[in-house]
Amino acid sequence: MAFPAAVDRFRRTDVMDFSSNGTDVGANYRLGDFYVTVYIYPSPAVSAAEDLSAAQASLCMAEFEEVKGIISRHPGAKLVEEGAVPSPSARHPRAGLRAVYALDAIGNRAPKPYRSEADLYCYVNGNWQIKFRATAPADVAYVTPLSDLMHALAWPLPPGKAPDADLSR
């Protein structure tokens, strides 16, 4: 997955490699007071003895609960929306999971109302988890810029698939 220096109106601020082989990476993007981190990392392995679909769903939900737990530790965190979210990529037609929180503060920033959203797409092309974490002051209209960023990034191709104009995003 490529992390371009600019995507729509967003500017990439940094790229992080959490692995020794480049398989667990992320990038931060900023648009004014609106921040988005995009992560891509290997999907958990499922044993051949398990029902593939059920095991993937269970592992995805466990990952989603972990993501929600991280956000819920912020001051005043209150879950305001949770559910399925359509995929922004033609390369992964399955829905993801979304959680949106209202927060009183975030990190070392001045206390004020924030909104934080996490979107998780599991087993993208069978191999990858893609997670978006967006945080903005509550008065910032973030939904459209986030959607634009998510649609603009080119997601990983299935193994052995060459780039195709119909699967550009």
N, C-alpha and C. Protein backbone atom coordinates (compact mmCIF):
# COMPACT_ATOMS: atom_id res chain seq x y z
N MET A 1 0.86 -1.17 0.00
CA MET A 1 0.00 0.00 0.00
C MET A 1 0.91 1.23 0.00
N ALA A 2 0.61 2.16 -0.88
CA ALA A 2 1.40 3.39 -0.97
C ALA A 2 0.76 4.47 -0.12
N PHE A 3 1.59 5.29 0.49
CA PHE A 3 1.13 6.42 1.28
C PHE A 3 1.64 7.70 0.61
N PRO A 4 0.90 8.24 -0.34
CA PRO A 4 1.38 9.44 -1.05
C PRO A 4 1.58 10.62 -0.11
N ALA A 5 2.45 11.55 -0.49
CA ALA A 5 2.76 12.73 0.31
C ALA A 5 1.53 13.61 0.49
N ALA A 6 0.65 13.62 -0.49
CA ALA A 6 -0.59 14.39 -0.41
C ALA A 6 -1.71 13.55 -1.01
N VAL A 7 -2.86 13.60 -0.36
CA VAL A 7 -4.05 12.93 -0.84
C VAL A 7 -5.19 13.92 -0.71
N ASP A 8 -5.72 14.34 -1.85
CA ASP A 8 -6.75 15.36 -1.85
C ASP A 8 -6.20 16.58 -1.10
N ARG A 9 -6.86 17.05 -0.06
CA ARG A 9 -6.36 18.21 0.69
C ARG A 9 -5.48 17.82 1.89
N PHE A 10 -5.34 16.53 2.13
CA PHE A 10 -4.52 16.05 3.25
C PHE A 10 -3.04 16.06 2.88
N ARG A 11 -2.21 16.29 3.89
CA ARG A 11 -0.76 16.20 3.74
C ARG A 11 -0.26 15.13 4.69
N ARG A 12 0.59 14.25 4.15
CA ARG A 12 1.17 13.21 5.00
C ARG A 12 2.22 13.86 5.89
N THR A 13 2.17 13.55 7.18
CA THR A 13 3.15 14.11 8.11
C THR A 13 4.26 13.13 8.43
N ASP A 14 3.98 11.83 8.39
CA ASP A 14 5.03 10.84 8.58
C ASP A 14 4.53 9.45 8.23
N VAL A 15 5.48 8.54 8.07
CA VAL A 15 5.20 7.13 7.81
C VAL A 15 5.89 6.34 8.91
N MET A 16 5.22 5.33 9.43
CA MET A 16 5.77 4.52 10.51
C MET A 16 5.87 3.06 10.06
N ASP A 17 6.95 2.42 10.41
CA ASP A 17 7.13 0.99 10.14
C ASP A 17 7.25 0.30 11.49
N PHE A 18 6.26 -0.50 11.84
CA PHE A 18 6.23 -1.18 13.12
C PHE A 18 6.83 -2.59 13.05
N SER A 19 7.35 -2.95 11.88
CA SER A 19 7.90 -4.28 11.67
C SER A 19 9.32 -4.17 11.12
N SER A 20 9.99 -5.30 11.05
CA SER A 20 11.33 -5.31 10.48
C SER A 20 11.31 -5.56 8.98
N ASN A 21 10.14 -5.93 8.45
CA ASN A 21 10.07 -6.28 7.03
C ASN A 21 9.04 -5.46 6.24
N GLY A 22 8.53 -4.38 6.82
CA GLY A 22 7.60 -3.51 6.10
C GLY A 22 6.20 -4.06 5.94
N THR A 23 5.82 -5.02 6.77
CA THR A 23 4.46 -5.57 6.65
C THR A 23 3.48 -4.98 7.65
N ASP A 24 3.94 -4.16 8.56
CA ASP A 24 3.09 -3.53 9.56
C ASP A 24 3.44 -2.05 9.55
N VAL A 25 2.68 -1.27 8.78
CA VAL A 25 3.04 0.12 8.54
C VAL A 25 1.84 1.04 8.74
N GLY A 26 2.14 2.31 8.85
CA GLY A 26 1.09 3.31 8.98
C GLY A 26 1.58 4.65 8.48
N ALA A 27 0.64 5.54 8.29
CA ALA A 27 0.97 6.90 7.87
C ALA A 27 -0.02 7.86 8.51
N ASN A 28 0.49 9.01 8.92
CA ASN A 28 -0.35 10.07 9.48
C ASN A 28 -0.61 11.12 8.41
N TYR A 29 -1.85 11.56 8.36
CA TYR A 29 -2.25 12.63 7.45
C TYR A 29 -2.91 13.73 8.26
N ARG A 30 -2.76 14.96 7.78
CA ARG A 30 -3.33 16.11 8.49
C ARG A 30 -4.00 17.05 7.51
N LEU A 31 -5.13 17.57 7.95
CA LEU A 31 -5.87 18.61 7.23
C LEU A 31 -6.33 19.59 8.30
N GLY A 32 -5.56 20.66 8.52
CA GLY A 32 -5.87 21.60 9.60
C GLY A 32 -5.80 20.91 10.94
N ASP A 33 -6.90 20.95 11.71
CA ASP A 33 -6.97 20.30 13.02
C ASP A 33 -7.49 18.87 12.94
N PHE A 34 -7.59 18.34 11.74
CA PHE A 34 -8.13 17.01 11.51
C PHE A 34 -6.97 16.06 11.19
N TYR A 35 -6.86 14.99 11.97
CA TYR A 35 -5.77 14.04 11.82
C TYR A 35 -6.33 12.66 11.49
N VAL A 36 -5.66 11.96 10.58
CA VAL A 36 -6.03 10.59 10.23
C VAL A 36 -4.76 9.75 10.22
N THR A 37 -4.83 8.60 10.85
CA THR A 37 -3.76 7.62 10.75
C THR A 37 -4.32 6.41 10.01
N VAL A 38 -3.57 5.96 9.03
CA VAL A 38 -3.93 4.78 8.25
C VAL A 38 -2.92 3.69 8.60
N TYR A 39 -3.42 2.53 8.96
CA TYR A 39 -2.56 1.40 9.30
C TYR A 39 -2.87 0.25 8.35
N ILE A 40 -1.84 -0.49 7.97
CA ILE A 40 -2.02 -1.76 7.26
C ILE A 40 -1.07 -2.76 7.89
N TYR A 41 -1.61 -3.93 8.21
CA TYR A 41 -0.82 -4.96 8.88
C TYR A 41 -1.42 -6.32 8.56
N PRO A 42 -0.65 -7.40 8.76
CA PRO A 42 -1.15 -8.73 8.41
C PRO A 42 -2.39 -9.12 9.21
N SER A 43 -3.29 -9.79 8.54
CA SER A 43 -4.47 -10.35 9.21
C SER A 43 -4.03 -11.53 10.07
N PRO A 44 -4.73 -11.77 11.19
CA PRO A 44 -4.40 -12.94 12.00
C PRO A 44 -4.62 -14.23 11.21
N ALA A 45 -3.74 -15.20 11.44
CA ALA A 45 -3.85 -16.49 10.76
C ALA A 45 -5.05 -17.28 11.30
N VAL A 46 -5.66 -18.01 10.40
CA VAL A 46 -6.77 -18.89 10.75
C VAL A 46 -6.32 -20.31 10.45
N SER A 47 -6.53 -21.22 11.38
CA SER A 47 -6.11 -22.60 11.16
C SER A 47 -7.02 -23.27 10.15
N ALA A 48 -6.46 -24.22 9.43
CA ALA A 48 -7.21 -24.94 8.40
C ALA A 48 -8.38 -25.73 9.01
N ALA A 49 -8.30 -26.03 10.29
CA ALA A 49 -9.35 -26.81 10.95
C ALA A 49 -10.58 -25.97 11.27
N GLU A 50 -10.44 -24.63 11.23
CA GLU A 50 -11.54 -23.75 11.61
C GLU A 50 -12.42 -23.42 10.41
N ASP A 51 -13.67 -23.09 10.69
CA ASP A 51 -14.56 -22.55 9.67
C ASP A 51 -14.00 -21.17 9.31
N LEU A 52 -13.50 -21.00 8.10
CA LEU A 52 -12.78 -19.80 7.68
C LEU A 52 -13.59 -18.53 7.94
N SER A 53 -14.80 -18.48 7.47
CA SER A 53 -15.62 -17.27 7.59
C SER A 53 -15.90 -16.93 9.05
N ALA A 54 -16.27 -17.92 9.84
CA ALA A 54 -16.58 -17.69 11.26
C ALA A 54 -15.33 -17.28 12.03
N ALA A 55 -14.21 -17.93 11.74
CA ALA A 55 -12.97 -17.61 12.44
C ALA A 55 -12.52 -16.19 12.09
N GLN A 56 -12.59 -15.82 10.82
CA GLN A 56 -12.21 -14.46 10.42
C GLN A 56 -13.11 -13.43 11.07
N ALA A 57 -14.40 -13.69 11.11
CA ALA A 57 -15.34 -12.75 11.73
C ALA A 57 -15.03 -12.59 13.22
N SER A 58 -14.73 -13.68 13.89
CA SER A 58 -14.42 -13.63 15.32
C SER A 58 -13.12 -12.86 15.58
N LEU A 59 -12.08 -13.14 14.79
CA LEU A 59 -10.80 -12.44 14.96
C LEU A 59 -10.93 -10.96 14.62
N CYS A 60 -11.73 -10.65 13.62
CA CYS A 60 -11.95 -9.24 13.25
C CYS A 60 -12.66 -8.51 14.38
N MET A 61 -13.67 -9.13 14.96
CA MET A 61 -14.41 -8.49 16.05
C MET A 61 -13.51 -8.29 17.27
N ALA A 62 -12.64 -9.25 17.55
CA ALA A 62 -11.71 -9.11 18.67
C ALA A 62 -10.77 -7.92 18.43
N GLU A 63 -10.28 -7.77 17.21
CA GLU A 63 -9.42 -6.63 16.87
C GLU A 63 -10.18 -5.31 17.01
N PHE A 64 -11.42 -5.30 16.56
CA PHE A 64 -12.26 -4.10 16.65
C PHE A 64 -12.50 -3.71 18.11
N GLU A 65 -12.74 -4.68 18.96
CA GLU A 65 -12.94 -4.41 20.39
C GLU A 65 -11.67 -3.81 21.00
N GLU A 66 -10.51 -4.29 20.56
CA GLU A 66 -9.25 -3.74 21.04
C GLU A 66 -9.09 -2.27 20.60
N VAL A 67 -9.44 -1.99 19.37
CA VAL A 67 -9.37 -0.61 18.85
C VAL A 67 -10.31 0.30 19.66
N LYS A 68 -11.51 -0.16 19.90
CA LYS A 68 -12.46 0.61 20.69
C LYS A 68 -11.95 0.84 22.10
N GLY A 69 -11.30 -0.17 22.67
CA GLY A 69 -10.75 -0.04 24.01
C GLY A 69 -9.70 1.06 24.10
N ILE A 70 -8.88 1.18 23.08
CA ILE A 70 -7.86 2.23 23.05
C ILE A 70 -8.50 3.61 23.04
N ILE A 71 -9.52 3.79 22.21
CA ILE A 71 -10.19 5.10 22.13
C ILE A 71 -10.93 5.40 23.42
N SER A 72 -11.56 4.38 24.00
CA SER A 72 -12.39 4.61 25.20
C SER A 72 -11.58 5.04 26.42
N ARG A 73 -10.25 4.95 26.36
CA ARG A 73 -9.41 5.39 27.48
C ARG A 73 -9.22 6.90 27.53
N HIS A 74 -9.60 7.60 26.47
CA HIS A 74 -9.46 9.06 26.45
C HIS A 74 -10.50 9.70 27.38
N PRO A 75 -10.17 10.87 27.94
CA PRO A 75 -11.09 11.53 28.89
C PRO A 75 -12.47 11.77 28.28
N GLY A 76 -13.49 11.36 29.01
CA GLY A 76 -14.87 11.60 28.61
C GLY A 76 -15.33 10.81 27.41
N ALA A 77 -14.61 9.76 27.02
CA ALA A 77 -14.96 8.99 25.82
C ALA A 77 -16.36 8.40 25.95
N LYS A 78 -17.16 8.68 24.94
CA LYS A 78 -18.53 8.15 24.90
C LYS A 78 -18.79 7.64 23.49
N LEU A 79 -19.13 6.35 23.36
CA LEU A 79 -19.46 5.76 22.07
C LEU A 79 -20.76 6.36 21.56
N VAL A 80 -20.74 6.97 20.38
CA VAL A 80 -21.94 7.60 19.83
C VAL A 80 -22.46 6.90 18.59
N GLU A 81 -21.64 6.05 17.98
CA GLU A 81 -22.08 5.31 16.79
C GLU A 81 -21.22 4.06 16.65
N GLU A 82 -21.85 2.96 16.27
CA GLU A 82 -21.11 1.72 16.02
C GLU A 82 -21.89 0.88 15.03
N GLY A 83 -21.17 0.27 14.10
CA GLY A 83 -21.83 -0.61 13.15
C GLY A 83 -20.98 -0.87 11.92
N ALA A 84 -21.62 -1.44 10.93
CA ALA A 84 -20.95 -1.75 9.67
C ALA A 84 -20.77 -0.47 8.85
N VAL A 85 -19.72 -0.47 8.03
CA VAL A 85 -19.44 0.66 7.15
C VAL A 85 -19.04 0.09 5.79
N PRO A 86 -19.59 0.63 4.70
CA PRO A 86 -19.23 0.11 3.38
C PRO A 86 -17.74 0.32 3.10
N SER A 87 -17.18 -0.57 2.32
CA SER A 87 -15.78 -0.44 1.94
C SER A 87 -15.62 0.73 0.97
N PRO A 88 -14.56 1.53 1.15
CA PRO A 88 -14.30 2.61 0.21
C PRO A 88 -13.49 2.15 -0.99
N SER A 89 -13.17 0.86 -1.08
CA SER A 89 -12.30 0.36 -2.13
C SER A 89 -12.96 -0.74 -2.94
N ALA A 90 -12.85 -0.62 -4.27
CA ALA A 90 -13.34 -1.68 -5.15
C ALA A 90 -12.51 -2.95 -4.98
N ARG A 91 -11.32 -2.82 -4.42
CA ARG A 91 -10.45 -3.98 -4.20
C ARG A 91 -10.90 -4.82 -3.00
N HIS A 92 -11.81 -4.31 -2.21
CA HIS A 92 -12.30 -5.04 -1.03
C HIS A 92 -13.78 -4.71 -0.87
N PRO A 93 -14.65 -5.50 -1.45
CA PRO A 93 -16.08 -5.17 -1.43
C PRO A 93 -16.78 -5.41 -0.09
N ARG A 94 -16.14 -6.13 0.84
CA ARG A 94 -16.81 -6.42 2.11
C ARG A 94 -16.82 -5.20 3.03
N ALA A 95 -17.90 -5.08 3.78
CA ALA A 95 -18.04 -3.97 4.74
C ALA A 95 -17.01 -4.11 5.85
N GLY A 96 -16.73 -2.98 6.47
CA GLY A 96 -15.86 -2.95 7.63
C GLY A 96 -16.68 -2.63 8.87
N LEU A 97 -15.98 -2.32 9.94
CA LEU A 97 -16.61 -1.97 11.22
C LEU A 97 -16.22 -0.54 11.57
N ARG A 98 -17.18 0.22 12.09
CA ARG A 98 -16.93 1.62 12.45
C ARG A 98 -17.39 1.86 13.88
N ALA A 99 -16.57 2.65 14.61
CA ALA A 99 -16.96 3.14 15.93
C ALA A 99 -16.61 4.62 15.97
N VAL A 100 -17.56 5.43 16.45
CA VAL A 100 -17.34 6.87 16.57
C VAL A 100 -17.55 7.24 18.03
N TYR A 101 -16.60 8.01 18.55
CA TYR A 101 -16.63 8.44 19.95
C TYR A 101 -16.64 9.95 20.04
N ALA A 102 -17.31 10.45 21.06
CA ALA A 102 -17.16 11.85 21.49
C ALA A 102 -16.16 11.82 22.63
N LEU A 103 -15.22 12.78 22.63
CA LEU A 103 -14.18 12.85 23.65
C LEU A 103 -14.14 14.24 24.26
N ASP A 104 -13.72 14.33 25.51
CA ASP A 104 -13.54 15.64 26.17
C ASP A 104 -12.16 16.22 25.87
N ALA A 105 -11.20 15.36 25.58
CA ALA A 105 -9.84 15.80 25.30
C ALA A 105 -9.12 14.66 24.60
N ILE A 106 -7.99 14.99 23.99
CA ILE A 106 -7.18 13.97 23.34
C ILE A 106 -5.70 14.28 23.54
N GLY A 107 -4.96 13.29 24.01
CA GLY A 107 -3.53 13.46 24.22
C GLY A 107 -3.21 14.67 25.07
N ASN A 108 -2.20 15.42 24.66
CA ASN A 108 -1.80 16.60 25.42
C ASN A 108 -2.38 17.89 24.83
N ARG A 109 -3.35 17.74 23.95
CA ARG A 109 -4.01 18.93 23.39
C ARG A 109 -4.94 19.55 24.43
N ALA A 110 -5.24 20.83 24.22
CA ALA A 110 -6.12 21.55 25.16
C ALA A 110 -7.46 20.83 25.26
N PRO A 111 -7.99 20.71 26.49
CA PRO A 111 -9.29 20.06 26.64
C PRO A 111 -10.37 20.81 25.87
N LYS A 112 -11.05 20.09 25.02
CA LYS A 112 -12.22 20.59 24.29
C LYS A 112 -12.87 19.38 23.65
N PRO A 113 -14.09 19.51 23.18
CA PRO A 113 -14.77 18.35 22.58
C PRO A 113 -14.10 17.91 21.27
N TYR A 114 -13.88 16.61 21.17
CA TYR A 114 -13.34 15.99 19.97
C TYR A 114 -14.25 14.87 19.52
N ARG A 115 -14.07 14.49 18.30
CA ARG A 115 -14.72 13.31 17.76
C ARG A 115 -13.62 12.40 17.23
N SER A 116 -13.70 11.12 17.54
CA SER A 116 -12.71 10.16 17.08
C SER A 116 -13.43 8.98 16.45
N GLU A 117 -12.99 8.61 15.26
CA GLU A 117 -13.61 7.51 14.53
C GLU A 117 -12.55 6.48 14.20
N ALA A 118 -12.91 5.21 14.31
CA ALA A 118 -12.06 4.11 13.90
C ALA A 118 -12.85 3.23 12.93
N ASP A 119 -12.25 2.96 11.77
CA ASP A 119 -12.84 2.07 10.77
C ASP A 119 -11.85 0.94 10.54
N LEU A 120 -12.32 -0.30 10.60
CA LEU A 120 -11.46 -1.46 10.45
C LEU A 120 -12.01 -2.35 9.34
N TYR A 121 -11.13 -2.71 8.40
CA TYR A 121 -11.47 -3.61 7.30
C TYR A 121 -10.56 -4.83 7.45
N CYS A 122 -11.17 -5.99 7.59
CA CYS A 122 -10.42 -7.20 7.89
C CYS A 122 -10.30 -8.12 6.69
N TYR A 123 -9.19 -8.82 6.65
CA TYR A 123 -8.90 -9.82 5.63
C TYR A 123 -9.05 -9.24 4.23
N VAL A 124 -8.49 -8.04 4.06
CA VAL A 124 -8.48 -7.40 2.75
C VAL A 124 -7.61 -8.28 1.84
N ASN A 125 -8.22 -8.78 0.78
CA ASN A 125 -7.56 -9.73 -0.12
C ASN A 125 -6.99 -10.93 0.63
N GLY A 126 -7.64 -11.26 1.73
CA GLY A 126 -7.28 -12.43 2.51
C GLY A 126 -6.10 -12.24 3.44
N ASN A 127 -5.31 -11.19 3.25
CA ASN A 127 -4.04 -11.08 3.95
C ASN A 127 -3.90 -9.90 4.90
N TRP A 128 -4.70 -8.87 4.76
CA TRP A 128 -4.40 -7.60 5.41
C TRP A 128 -5.55 -7.06 6.23
N GLN A 129 -5.19 -6.33 7.28
CA GLN A 129 -6.13 -5.51 8.04
C GLN A 129 -5.80 -4.06 7.65
N ILE A 130 -6.81 -3.28 7.38
CA ILE A 130 -6.62 -1.86 7.11
C ILE A 130 -7.49 -1.10 8.10
N LYS A 131 -6.84 -0.19 8.83
CA LYS A 131 -7.53 0.56 9.87
C LYS A 131 -7.31 2.05 9.65
N PHE A 132 -8.39 2.80 9.77
CA PHE A 132 -8.35 4.26 9.72
C PHE A 132 -8.74 4.77 11.09
N ARG A 133 -7.95 5.69 11.63
CA ARG A 133 -8.29 6.34 12.90
C ARG A 133 -8.29 7.84 12.65
N ALA A 134 -9.43 8.45 12.79
CA ALA A 134 -9.60 9.88 12.51
C ALA A 134 -9.96 10.61 13.79
N THR A 135 -9.34 11.77 14.00
CA THR A 135 -9.63 12.58 15.18
C THR A 135 -9.68 14.04 14.76
N ALA A 136 -10.74 14.72 15.22
CA ALA A 136 -10.91 16.13 14.89
C ALA A 136 -11.71 16.80 16.00
N PRO A 137 -11.54 18.13 16.16
CA PRO A 137 -12.43 18.84 17.08
C PRO A 137 -13.87 18.57 16.68
N ALA A 138 -14.75 18.52 17.66
CA ALA A 138 -16.15 18.18 17.40
C ALA A 138 -16.83 19.11 16.42
N ASP A 139 -16.36 20.36 16.32
CA ASP A 139 -17.01 21.30 15.41
C ASP A 139 -16.47 21.25 13.97
N VAL A 140 -15.51 20.36 13.71
CA VAL A 140 -14.96 20.21 12.36
C VAL A 140 -15.79 19.18 11.60
N ALA A 141 -16.25 19.54 10.42
CA ALA A 141 -17.00 18.61 9.56
C ALA A 141 -15.98 17.67 8.90
N TYR A 142 -15.81 16.49 9.47
CA TYR A 142 -14.74 15.60 9.04
C TYR A 142 -15.19 14.47 8.13
N VAL A 143 -16.48 14.18 8.05
CA VAL A 143 -16.96 12.98 7.36
C VAL A 143 -16.58 12.98 5.87
N THR A 144 -16.83 14.05 5.16
CA THR A 144 -16.53 14.10 3.72
C THR A 144 -15.03 14.05 3.46
N PRO A 145 -14.19 14.84 4.15
CA PRO A 145 -12.75 14.71 3.90
C PRO A 145 -12.21 13.32 4.22
N LEU A 146 -12.72 12.68 5.28
CA LEU A 146 -12.27 11.33 5.61
C LEU A 146 -12.65 10.37 4.50
N SER A 147 -13.88 10.45 4.03
CA SER A 147 -14.33 9.60 2.94
C SER A 147 -13.48 9.82 1.69
N ASP A 148 -13.18 11.06 1.38
CA ASP A 148 -12.35 11.37 0.22
C ASP A 148 -10.97 10.73 0.35
N LEU A 149 -10.37 10.83 1.54
CA LEU A 149 -9.06 10.22 1.77
C LEU A 149 -9.13 8.72 1.62
N MET A 150 -10.12 8.10 2.23
CA MET A 150 -10.26 6.65 2.17
C MET A 150 -10.44 6.16 0.74
N HIS A 151 -11.22 6.89 -0.05
CA HIS A 151 -11.45 6.51 -1.45
C HIS A 151 -10.22 6.75 -2.32
N ALA A 152 -9.40 7.70 -1.96
CA ALA A 152 -8.25 8.08 -2.79
C ALA A 152 -7.05 7.15 -2.64
N LEU A 153 -6.94 6.46 -1.52
CA LEU A 153 -5.80 5.57 -1.31
C LEU A 153 -6.00 4.27 -2.09
N ALA A 154 -4.95 3.83 -2.75
CA ALA A 154 -4.99 2.56 -3.49
C ALA A 154 -4.71 1.42 -2.52
N TRP A 155 -5.68 0.53 -2.37
CA TRP A 155 -5.54 -0.59 -1.45
C TRP A 155 -4.74 -1.71 -2.09
N PRO A 156 -4.22 -2.65 -1.29
CA PRO A 156 -3.41 -3.74 -1.84
C PRO A 156 -4.21 -4.60 -2.82
N LEU A 157 -3.51 -5.09 -3.82
CA LEU A 157 -4.11 -6.00 -4.80
C LEU A 157 -4.11 -7.43 -4.27
N PRO A 158 -5.04 -8.25 -4.77
CA PRO A 158 -4.98 -9.67 -4.41
C PRO A 158 -3.67 -10.27 -4.92
N PRO A 159 -3.20 -11.33 -4.29
CA PRO A 159 -1.96 -11.96 -4.75
C PRO A 159 -2.05 -12.31 -6.23
N GLY A 160 -1.01 -11.95 -6.98
CA GLY A 160 -0.95 -12.29 -8.40
C GLY A 160 -1.77 -11.40 -9.32
N LYS A 161 -2.44 -10.39 -8.79
CA LYS A 161 -3.28 -9.50 -9.60
C LYS A 161 -2.47 -8.27 -10.00
N ALA A 162 -2.45 -7.98 -11.28
CA ALA A 162 -1.76 -6.79 -11.79
C ALA A 162 -2.68 -5.59 -11.64
N PRO A 163 -2.13 -4.39 -11.50
CA PRO A 163 -2.97 -3.18 -11.44
C PRO A 163 -3.88 -3.10 -12.65
N ASP A 164 -5.10 -2.64 -12.41
CA ASP A 164 -6.13 -2.59 -13.43
C ASP A 164 -6.88 -1.28 -13.26
N ALA A 165 -7.23 -0.64 -14.34
CA ALA A 165 -7.94 0.65 -14.26
C ALA A 165 -9.23 0.52 -13.46
N ASP A 166 -9.89 -0.63 -13.52
CA ASP A 166 -11.14 -0.80 -12.79
C ASP A 166 -10.94 -1.01 -11.30
N LEU A 167 -9.72 -1.32 -10.90
CA LEU A 167 -9.42 -1.55 -9.49
C LEU A 167 -8.39 -0.55 -8.99
N SER A 168 -8.49 0.68 -9.46
CA SER A 168 -7.47 1.67 -9.14
C SER A 168 -7.49 2.11 -7.69
N ARG A 169 -8.56 1.93 -6.99
CA ARG A 169 -8.63 2.38 -5.59
C ARG A 169 -9.10 1.28 -4.69
